[in-house]
Every structure is written in structure tokens, then in C-alpha cells.
Amino acid sequence: MASIEDVKAALFQIAEQANTTVHQIQASLESTERMLMQLRAIAAGTGHPAIAEAIARAEQSKQRLMEAATLAQGSAAATRQYISVLG
């Protein structure tokens, strides 16, 4: 059976991995934002449905990445809160 200290150490590593994941998602968000800016610049003056769909889907991707980052941050916070409960 694992000791409290072993559990706390494992939980700390999990919280750190969540932080790493958040940083990776933030990098993806930045890349997605660059892609959106490029799409909008290229699409300026056109009204073709395909490019409008591309922009809409990229916006949706950005939104979901933001949601994923928020959820991962919440997971890290809850993990740290549990660590503090363990003492």
C-alpha cells in the first residue's frame, strides 16, 4: 500500500503534467490564431462558402482549445486542492 507521501508525490506529478498540457494547448491556440489571421487575410473580398466554412471551423477549433485549456487548469487546481487535503 502506498504511503500518503507517495500519493502526494504522484498527485504533484499529475498536476505538473496538467500544467504542461495547458502550455501545449496555449501553443496550439497561438498557432490556430495565426492560421485564422492568414485565412481572413486571404479571404478578404471573397464570399465563397468554402472559405467561410474554413474560417468558421478554425474559430470553433480555437473555442474548443480554449475550453480544453480551462478544463486542464481546473484539473490541476483540483489535484492541488486534494494534495492540501491530504496534508
Protein backbone atom coordinates (compact mmCIF):
# COMPACT_ATOMS: atom_id res chain seq x y z
CA MET A 1 0.00 0.00 0.00
CA ALA A 2 1.29 3.45 -0.93
CA SER A 3 2.01 5.96 1.79
CA ILE A 4 0.38 9.40 1.91
CA GLU A 5 3.68 10.92 0.81
CA ASP A 6 3.84 8.57 -2.20
CA VAL A 7 0.28 9.53 -3.18
CA LYS A 8 1.04 13.23 -2.75
CA ALA A 9 4.18 12.92 -4.88
CA ALA A 10 2.24 11.13 -7.62
CA LEU A 11 -0.52 13.74 -7.48
CA PHE A 12 2.02 16.55 -7.71
CA GLN A 13 3.45 14.95 -10.87
CA ILE A 14 -0.06 14.72 -12.32
CA ALA A 15 -0.71 18.39 -11.57
CA GLU A 16 2.59 19.31 -13.25
CA GLN A 17 1.62 17.24 -16.29
CA ALA A 18 -1.66 19.15 -16.45
CA ASN A 19 0.33 22.40 -16.46
CA THR A 20 2.48 21.07 -19.29
CA THR A 21 -0.67 20.16 -21.19
CA VAL A 22 -2.05 23.68 -20.69
CA HIS A 23 1.16 25.15 -22.14
CA GLN A 24 0.90 22.84 -25.14
CA ILE A 25 -2.73 23.83 -25.68
CA GLN A 26 -1.76 27.51 -25.43
CA ALA A 27 0.85 26.95 -28.14
CA SER A 28 -1.84 25.33 -30.28
CA LEU A 29 -4.11 28.30 -29.62
CA GLU A 30 -1.44 30.70 -30.83
CA SER A 31 -0.92 28.62 -33.95
CA THR A 32 -4.66 28.48 -34.58
CA GLU A 33 -4.90 32.25 -34.18
CA ARG A 34 -2.13 32.73 -36.76
CA MET A 35 -3.99 30.37 -39.10
CA LEU A 36 -7.19 32.38 -38.63
CA MET A 37 -5.44 35.67 -39.36
CA GLN A 38 -3.98 34.19 -42.54
CA LEU A 39 -7.34 32.76 -43.62
CA ARG A 40 -9.06 36.08 -43.04
CA ALA A 41 -6.37 37.96 -44.95
CA ILE A 42 -6.55 35.58 -47.91
CA ALA A 43 -10.36 35.57 -47.83
CA ALA A 44 -10.70 39.36 -47.80
CA GLY A 45 -13.10 40.35 -50.53
CA THR A 46 -14.32 36.84 -51.25
CA GLY A 47 -17.61 35.43 -50.17
CA HIS A 48 -17.12 31.83 -51.18
CA PRO A 49 -18.84 29.40 -48.83
CA ALA A 50 -15.80 27.11 -48.64
CA ILE A 51 -13.53 29.80 -47.19
CA ALA A 52 -16.30 30.93 -44.84
CA GLU A 53 -16.58 27.34 -43.64
CA ALA A 54 -12.81 27.12 -43.17
CA ILE A 55 -12.86 30.24 -41.01
CA ALA A 56 -15.87 29.05 -39.02
CA ARG A 57 -14.27 25.68 -38.33
CA ALA A 58 -10.99 27.31 -37.31
CA GLU A 59 -12.94 29.56 -34.93
CA GLN A 60 -14.66 26.50 -33.49
CA SER A 61 -11.28 24.79 -33.09
CA LYS A 62 -9.96 27.83 -31.24
CA GLN A 63 -13.00 27.84 -28.94
CA ARG A 64 -12.58 24.17 -28.10
CA LEU A 65 -8.88 24.61 -27.42
CA MET A 66 -9.75 27.41 -25.00
CA GLU A 67 -12.25 25.11 -23.30
CA ALA A 68 -9.65 22.33 -23.10
CA ALA A 69 -7.12 24.69 -21.51
CA THR A 70 -9.68 25.83 -18.94
CA LEU A 71 -10.60 22.24 -18.10
CA ALA A 72 -6.96 21.18 -17.76
CA GLN A 73 -6.28 24.16 -15.48
CA GLY A 74 -9.26 23.16 -13.37
CA SER A 75 -7.98 19.62 -13.16
CA ALA A 76 -4.59 20.82 -11.95
CA ALA A 77 -6.22 23.09 -9.37
CA ALA A 78 -8.46 20.30 -8.07
CA THR A 79 -5.48 17.96 -7.87
CA ARG A 80 -3.52 20.51 -5.85
CA GLN A 81 -6.53 21.06 -3.61
CA TYR A 82 -6.66 17.33 -2.92
CA ILE A 83 -2.95 17.34 -2.14
CA SER A 84 -3.62 20.00 0.51
CA VAL A 85 -6.47 17.91 1.93
CA LEU A 86 -4.03 15.04 2.37
CA GLY A 87 -1.89 17.33 4.50
